[in-house]
Each structure stands twice: as C-alpha cells, then as structure tokens.
Amino acid sequence: MTDRPLSLLKLCIAIALGVWLGFIAIVLTTWLASRYLFPQSLAPVAQAVQQLGKPAAAAPEPPNRMFEQYQQNLQRTGTTTDPGTGAQQPAQPVQPQMPVLAATGPECAH
C-alpha cells in the first residue's frame, strides 16, 4: 500500500463524476416511479401538453360596435376621407364651437 496523496485534478474529477451519477440515478428513479406507480394520473397531463402543442383555430372577431358608431358619426357630420392620404377632411368649413368673448375690463383698456 502506497502513501501517495490524490492529486487535486483526480479529486475534482471524482467529485464531478459522483454528482453526475447521483443526478442520473435520481432522474431514472423518478421516471420509473412515475411510469409504473402513477400511469393513470399522468394521462390527463400528457393530453393537456399535446393540446397545447396544437394551435387553436382563430375565431373571427365580432364587429366592433364602437367603430361602427364612429363611422355612423362621420357619415352624419359629413366628414370625408382623402383617398390619397387617408386624412379626414370636413365637407364644409368648421365654425368655432366656443363664442369669442370681447375683451372688457380695466386690464384690457390700453
């Protein structure tokens, strides 16, 4: 029997190999236990995973009620859309909504 110490490299390799073998043993044990002890309880989970993998058919969107009201308001007010730019243009000149108040008072009497 020799009294030769282990080198640091051999020690690191042995520890890494032990960790990997332990990981593989845990994974195999878990896989075997799930396969033989719980075969029926995992069936719904597998089915759900398969359904998630398939894309669902996209349903057509219902017409947007607010957009329809917007279009009706545009037709009622007479606003047109410029076909070249897509900008909205009023059919008639727009009158101001707020009346312009005359400046009265001592601060405006210059």
N, C-alpha and C. Protein backbone atom coordinates (compact mmCIF):
# COMPACT_ATOMS: atom_id res chain seq x y z
N MET A 1 0.84 -1.15 0.00
CA MET A 1 0.00 0.00 0.00
C MET A 1 0.89 1.22 0.00
N THR A 2 0.66 2.11 -0.95
CA THR A 2 1.48 3.32 -1.04
C THR A 2 0.79 4.48 -0.35
N ASP A 3 1.55 5.38 0.12
CA ASP A 3 1.02 6.56 0.81
C ASP A 3 1.00 7.78 -0.12
N ARG A 4 0.61 7.55 -1.32
CA ARG A 4 0.59 8.62 -2.29
C ARG A 4 -0.72 9.41 -2.15
N PRO A 5 -0.66 10.73 -2.01
CA PRO A 5 -1.90 11.52 -1.89
C PRO A 5 -2.56 11.69 -3.27
N LEU A 6 -3.88 11.86 -3.25
CA LEU A 6 -4.60 12.10 -4.50
C LEU A 6 -4.29 13.50 -5.00
N SER A 7 -4.16 13.60 -6.27
CA SER A 7 -3.92 14.94 -6.82
C SER A 7 -5.24 15.71 -6.85
N LEU A 8 -5.15 16.98 -6.92
CA LEU A 8 -6.33 17.84 -6.92
C LEU A 8 -7.19 17.59 -8.15
N LEU A 9 -6.59 17.35 -9.28
CA LEU A 9 -7.34 17.09 -10.51
C LEU A 9 -8.16 15.82 -10.39
N LYS A 10 -7.54 14.73 -9.86
CA LYS A 10 -8.27 13.47 -9.71
C LYS A 10 -9.42 13.61 -8.71
N LEU A 11 -9.22 14.40 -7.67
CA LEU A 11 -10.26 14.62 -6.68
C LEU A 11 -11.45 15.37 -7.30
N CYS A 12 -11.17 16.38 -8.09
CA CYS A 12 -12.25 17.14 -8.74
C CYS A 12 -13.01 16.27 -9.74
N ILE A 13 -12.30 15.44 -10.47
CA ILE A 13 -12.96 14.55 -11.43
C ILE A 13 -13.84 13.54 -10.71
N ALA A 14 -13.35 12.99 -9.62
CA ALA A 14 -14.13 12.02 -8.85
C ALA A 14 -15.39 12.65 -8.27
N ILE A 15 -15.30 13.86 -7.77
CA ILE A 15 -16.49 14.55 -7.22
C ILE A 15 -17.48 14.85 -8.33
N ALA A 16 -17.02 15.35 -9.48
CA ALA A 16 -17.91 15.66 -10.59
C ALA A 16 -18.61 14.40 -11.10
N LEU A 17 -17.87 13.30 -11.20
CA LEU A 17 -18.46 12.04 -11.64
C LEU A 17 -19.51 11.55 -10.64
N GLY A 18 -19.25 11.71 -9.38
CA GLY A 18 -20.22 11.31 -8.36
C GLY A 18 -21.49 12.14 -8.41
N VAL A 19 -21.35 13.43 -8.65
CA VAL A 19 -22.53 14.30 -8.76
C VAL A 19 -23.36 13.90 -9.97
N TRP A 20 -22.72 13.67 -11.12
CA TRP A 20 -23.45 13.29 -12.32
C TRP A 20 -24.12 11.93 -12.15
N LEU A 21 -23.44 10.99 -11.58
CA LEU A 21 -24.05 9.67 -11.38
C LEU A 21 -25.23 9.76 -10.41
N GLY A 22 -25.12 10.59 -9.39
CA GLY A 22 -26.23 10.79 -8.47
C GLY A 22 -27.42 11.43 -9.16
N PHE A 23 -27.17 12.41 -10.02
CA PHE A 23 -28.23 13.06 -10.77
C PHE A 23 -28.94 12.06 -11.68
N ILE A 24 -28.17 11.25 -12.39
CA ILE A 24 -28.75 10.24 -13.29
C ILE A 24 -29.56 9.22 -12.50
N ALA A 25 -29.08 8.82 -11.33
CA ALA A 25 -29.82 7.86 -10.51
C ALA A 25 -31.15 8.46 -10.05
N ILE A 26 -31.17 9.72 -9.66
CA ILE A 26 -32.42 10.36 -9.23
C ILE A 26 -33.39 10.47 -10.39
N VAL A 27 -32.92 10.88 -11.57
CA VAL A 27 -33.80 11.01 -12.74
C VAL A 27 -34.39 9.66 -13.13
N LEU A 28 -33.57 8.61 -13.18
CA LEU A 28 -34.07 7.28 -13.53
C LEU A 28 -35.08 6.77 -12.50
N THR A 29 -34.82 6.98 -11.24
CA THR A 29 -35.75 6.54 -10.20
C THR A 29 -37.09 7.26 -10.32
N THR A 30 -37.04 8.56 -10.54
CA THR A 30 -38.28 9.33 -10.69
C THR A 30 -39.04 8.89 -11.93
N TRP A 31 -38.36 8.68 -13.03
CA TRP A 31 -39.01 8.26 -14.27
C TRP A 31 -39.66 6.89 -14.10
N LEU A 32 -38.94 5.95 -13.51
CA LEU A 32 -39.51 4.61 -13.31
C LEU A 32 -40.70 4.65 -12.35
N ALA A 33 -40.61 5.44 -11.30
CA ALA A 33 -41.72 5.52 -10.34
C ALA A 33 -42.94 6.15 -10.99
N SER A 34 -42.75 7.18 -11.81
CA SER A 34 -43.90 7.81 -12.46
C SER A 34 -44.51 6.89 -13.52
N ARG A 35 -43.67 6.09 -14.13
CA ARG A 35 -44.18 5.22 -15.19
C ARG A 35 -44.96 4.02 -14.63
N TYR A 36 -44.51 3.44 -13.55
CA TYR A 36 -45.14 2.23 -13.03
C TYR A 36 -46.10 2.48 -11.87
N LEU A 37 -45.89 3.52 -11.11
CA LEU A 37 -46.75 3.76 -9.96
C LEU A 37 -47.92 4.70 -10.27
N PHE A 38 -47.73 5.65 -11.19
CA PHE A 38 -48.76 6.63 -11.48
C PHE A 38 -49.10 6.70 -12.97
N PRO A 39 -49.42 5.57 -13.63
CA PRO A 39 -49.66 5.65 -15.08
C PRO A 39 -50.96 6.37 -15.43
N GLN A 40 -52.02 6.19 -14.64
CA GLN A 40 -53.31 6.79 -14.98
C GLN A 40 -53.40 8.25 -14.55
N SER A 41 -52.74 8.63 -13.50
CA SER A 41 -52.87 10.00 -13.03
C SER A 41 -52.12 11.00 -13.91
N LEU A 42 -51.17 10.55 -14.70
CA LEU A 42 -50.42 11.45 -15.57
C LEU A 42 -51.00 11.53 -16.98
N ALA A 43 -51.99 10.69 -17.28
CA ALA A 43 -52.58 10.71 -18.62
C ALA A 43 -53.23 12.06 -18.95
N PRO A 44 -54.01 12.67 -18.03
CA PRO A 44 -54.58 13.98 -18.37
C PRO A 44 -53.53 15.06 -18.59
N VAL A 45 -52.44 14.97 -17.87
CA VAL A 45 -51.37 15.95 -18.04
C VAL A 45 -50.74 15.80 -19.43
N ALA A 46 -50.50 14.57 -19.86
CA ALA A 46 -49.93 14.34 -21.19
C ALA A 46 -50.89 14.82 -22.28
N GLN A 47 -52.18 14.61 -22.07
CA GLN A 47 -53.17 15.05 -23.05
C GLN A 47 -53.20 16.58 -23.13
N ALA A 48 -53.10 17.24 -21.99
CA ALA A 48 -53.10 18.69 -21.97
C ALA A 48 -51.86 19.25 -22.67
N VAL A 49 -50.73 18.58 -22.50
CA VAL A 49 -49.50 19.02 -23.16
C VAL A 49 -49.64 18.88 -24.67
N GLN A 50 -50.27 17.81 -25.13
CA GLN A 50 -50.47 17.61 -26.56
C GLN A 50 -51.41 18.69 -27.12
N GLN A 51 -52.45 19.06 -26.38
CA GLN A 51 -53.37 20.08 -26.85
C GLN A 51 -52.70 21.45 -26.89
N LEU A 52 -51.79 21.71 -25.97
CA LEU A 52 -51.07 22.97 -26.00
C LEU A 52 -50.16 23.07 -27.22
N GLY A 53 -49.69 21.94 -27.69
CA GLY A 53 -48.81 21.93 -28.85
C GLY A 53 -49.54 22.22 -30.14
N LYS A 54 -50.85 21.96 -30.19
CA LYS A 54 -51.63 22.21 -31.39
C LYS A 54 -52.20 23.63 -31.33
N PRO A 55 -52.00 24.41 -32.39
CA PRO A 55 -52.57 25.77 -32.38
C PRO A 55 -54.08 25.71 -32.55
N ALA A 56 -54.77 26.55 -31.80
CA ALA A 56 -56.22 26.62 -31.88
C ALA A 56 -56.62 27.43 -33.10
N ALA A 57 -57.76 27.07 -33.68
CA ALA A 57 -58.26 27.81 -34.82
C ALA A 57 -58.72 29.18 -34.35
N ALA A 58 -58.28 30.22 -35.03
CA ALA A 58 -58.62 31.58 -34.62
C ALA A 58 -60.04 31.89 -35.04
N ALA A 59 -60.85 32.31 -34.08
CA ALA A 59 -62.23 32.67 -34.36
C ALA A 59 -62.26 34.09 -34.92
N PRO A 60 -63.13 34.35 -35.89
CA PRO A 60 -63.19 35.71 -36.43
C PRO A 60 -63.73 36.66 -35.37
N GLU A 61 -63.17 37.85 -35.35
CA GLU A 61 -63.57 38.83 -34.35
C GLU A 61 -64.94 39.40 -34.70
N PRO A 62 -65.78 39.59 -33.70
CA PRO A 62 -67.07 40.22 -33.97
C PRO A 62 -66.86 41.68 -34.35
N PRO A 63 -67.79 42.25 -35.09
CA PRO A 63 -67.61 43.65 -35.47
C PRO A 63 -67.57 44.55 -34.24
N ASN A 64 -66.72 45.52 -34.31
CA ASN A 64 -66.54 46.43 -33.18
C ASN A 64 -67.64 47.48 -33.20
N ARG A 65 -68.46 47.48 -32.17
CA ARG A 65 -69.60 48.38 -32.09
C ARG A 65 -69.16 49.85 -32.05
N MET A 66 -68.09 50.11 -31.32
CA MET A 66 -67.62 51.49 -31.23
C MET A 66 -67.14 52.01 -32.58
N PHE A 67 -66.49 51.15 -33.36
CA PHE A 67 -66.02 51.57 -34.68
C PHE A 67 -67.19 51.84 -35.60
N GLU A 68 -68.24 51.03 -35.50
CA GLU A 68 -69.44 51.26 -36.32
C GLU A 68 -70.09 52.59 -35.94
N GLN A 69 -70.15 52.90 -34.65
CA GLN A 69 -70.71 54.18 -34.23
C GLN A 69 -69.86 55.33 -34.75
N TYR A 70 -68.55 55.16 -34.75
CA TYR A 70 -67.64 56.18 -35.28
C TYR A 70 -67.92 56.43 -36.75
N GLN A 71 -68.08 55.36 -37.51
CA GLN A 71 -68.36 55.52 -38.94
C GLN A 71 -69.71 56.20 -39.15
N GLN A 72 -70.71 55.85 -38.36
CA GLN A 72 -72.01 56.49 -38.48
C GLN A 72 -71.92 57.98 -38.16
N ASN A 73 -71.14 58.33 -37.13
CA ASN A 73 -70.96 59.74 -36.79
C ASN A 73 -70.26 60.50 -37.91
N LEU A 74 -69.28 59.86 -38.56
CA LEU A 74 -68.60 60.51 -39.68
C LEU A 74 -69.57 60.76 -40.82
N GLN A 75 -70.42 59.79 -41.11
CA GLN A 75 -71.40 59.95 -42.19
C GLN A 75 -72.41 61.03 -41.84
N ARG A 76 -72.83 61.09 -40.59
CA ARG A 76 -73.83 62.06 -40.16
C ARG A 76 -73.27 63.48 -40.20
N THR A 77 -72.01 63.67 -39.82
CA THR A 77 -71.42 65.00 -39.80
C THR A 77 -70.90 65.42 -41.16
N GLY A 78 -70.84 64.52 -42.10
CA GLY A 78 -70.40 64.88 -43.44
C GLY A 78 -68.90 64.91 -43.59
N THR A 79 -68.16 64.27 -42.74
CA THR A 79 -66.71 64.23 -42.85
C THR A 79 -66.32 63.21 -43.91
N THR A 80 -65.40 63.59 -44.77
CA THR A 80 -64.94 62.67 -45.81
C THR A 80 -63.48 62.32 -45.55
N THR A 81 -63.04 61.26 -46.19
CA THR A 81 -61.66 60.82 -46.06
C THR A 81 -60.96 61.02 -47.39
N ASP A 82 -59.79 61.65 -47.38
CA ASP A 82 -59.00 61.86 -48.58
C ASP A 82 -58.40 60.52 -48.99
N PRO A 83 -58.69 60.03 -50.21
CA PRO A 83 -58.17 58.71 -50.59
C PRO A 83 -56.66 58.66 -50.74
N GLY A 84 -56.03 59.79 -51.03
CA GLY A 84 -54.58 59.79 -51.22
C GLY A 84 -53.83 59.66 -49.91
N THR A 85 -54.24 60.43 -48.91
CA THR A 85 -53.50 60.44 -47.65
C THR A 85 -54.22 59.71 -46.53
N GLY A 86 -55.51 59.49 -46.67
CA GLY A 86 -56.28 58.84 -45.61
C GLY A 86 -56.66 59.81 -44.51
N ALA A 87 -56.36 61.13 -44.72
CA ALA A 87 -56.68 62.13 -43.70
C ALA A 87 -58.15 62.52 -43.81
N GLN A 88 -58.73 62.83 -42.69
CA GLN A 88 -60.13 63.22 -42.68
C GLN A 88 -60.23 64.71 -42.98
N GLN A 89 -61.18 65.05 -43.85
CA GLN A 89 -61.39 66.43 -44.21
C GLN A 89 -62.87 66.75 -44.03
N PRO A 90 -63.17 67.86 -43.40
CA PRO A 90 -64.58 68.21 -43.26
C PRO A 90 -65.16 68.61 -44.61
N ALA A 91 -66.41 68.26 -44.84
CA ALA A 91 -67.06 68.59 -46.10
C ALA A 91 -67.34 70.08 -46.18
N GLN A 92 -67.56 70.75 -45.06
CA GLN A 92 -67.81 72.18 -45.02
C GLN A 92 -66.85 72.81 -44.01
N PRO A 93 -66.62 74.14 -44.12
CA PRO A 93 -65.75 74.78 -43.13
C PRO A 93 -66.31 74.62 -41.72
N VAL A 94 -65.42 74.45 -40.79
CA VAL A 94 -65.82 74.23 -39.41
C VAL A 94 -65.97 75.58 -38.72
N GLN A 95 -67.10 75.79 -38.06
CA GLN A 95 -67.34 77.00 -37.29
C GLN A 95 -66.84 76.77 -35.87
N PRO A 96 -66.30 77.80 -35.22
CA PRO A 96 -65.84 77.61 -33.85
C PRO A 96 -67.01 77.26 -32.93
N GLN A 97 -66.75 76.37 -31.99
CA GLN A 97 -67.77 75.92 -31.06
C GLN A 97 -67.97 76.90 -29.92
N MET A 98 -66.91 77.56 -29.48
CA MET A 98 -66.98 78.48 -28.35
C MET A 98 -67.06 79.90 -28.89
N PRO A 99 -67.96 80.71 -28.36
CA PRO A 99 -68.01 82.11 -28.82
C PRO A 99 -66.78 82.85 -28.32
N VAL A 100 -66.27 83.75 -29.13
CA VAL A 100 -65.12 84.55 -28.76
C VAL A 100 -65.63 85.73 -27.95
N LEU A 101 -65.13 85.91 -26.75
CA LEU A 101 -65.57 86.97 -25.87
C LEU A 101 -64.77 88.24 -26.15
N ALA A 102 -65.45 89.32 -26.11
CA ALA A 102 -64.78 90.59 -26.30
C ALA A 102 -64.01 90.94 -25.04
N ALA A 103 -62.86 91.52 -25.22
CA ALA A 103 -62.04 91.88 -24.07
C ALA A 103 -62.61 93.14 -23.42
N THR A 104 -63.08 92.98 -22.21
CA THR A 104 -63.61 94.12 -21.47
C THR A 104 -62.99 94.12 -20.09
N GLY A 105 -62.92 95.26 -19.49
CA GLY A 105 -62.40 95.36 -18.16
C GLY A 105 -61.24 96.31 -18.09
N PRO A 106 -60.84 96.67 -16.90
CA PRO A 106 -59.77 97.68 -16.77
C PRO A 106 -58.41 97.16 -17.24
N GLU A 107 -58.13 95.86 -17.16
CA GLU A 107 -56.79 95.37 -17.58
C GLU A 107 -56.61 95.37 -19.09
N CYS A 108 -57.71 95.45 -19.88
CA CYS A 108 -57.62 95.41 -21.34
C CYS A 108 -57.80 96.80 -21.94
N ALA A 109 -57.85 97.85 -21.17
CA ALA A 109 -58.12 99.20 -21.68
C ALA A 109 -56.84 99.95 -21.95
N HIS A 110 -55.98 99.47 -22.73
CA HIS A 110 -54.73 100.17 -23.06
C HIS A 110 -54.95 101.11 -24.18
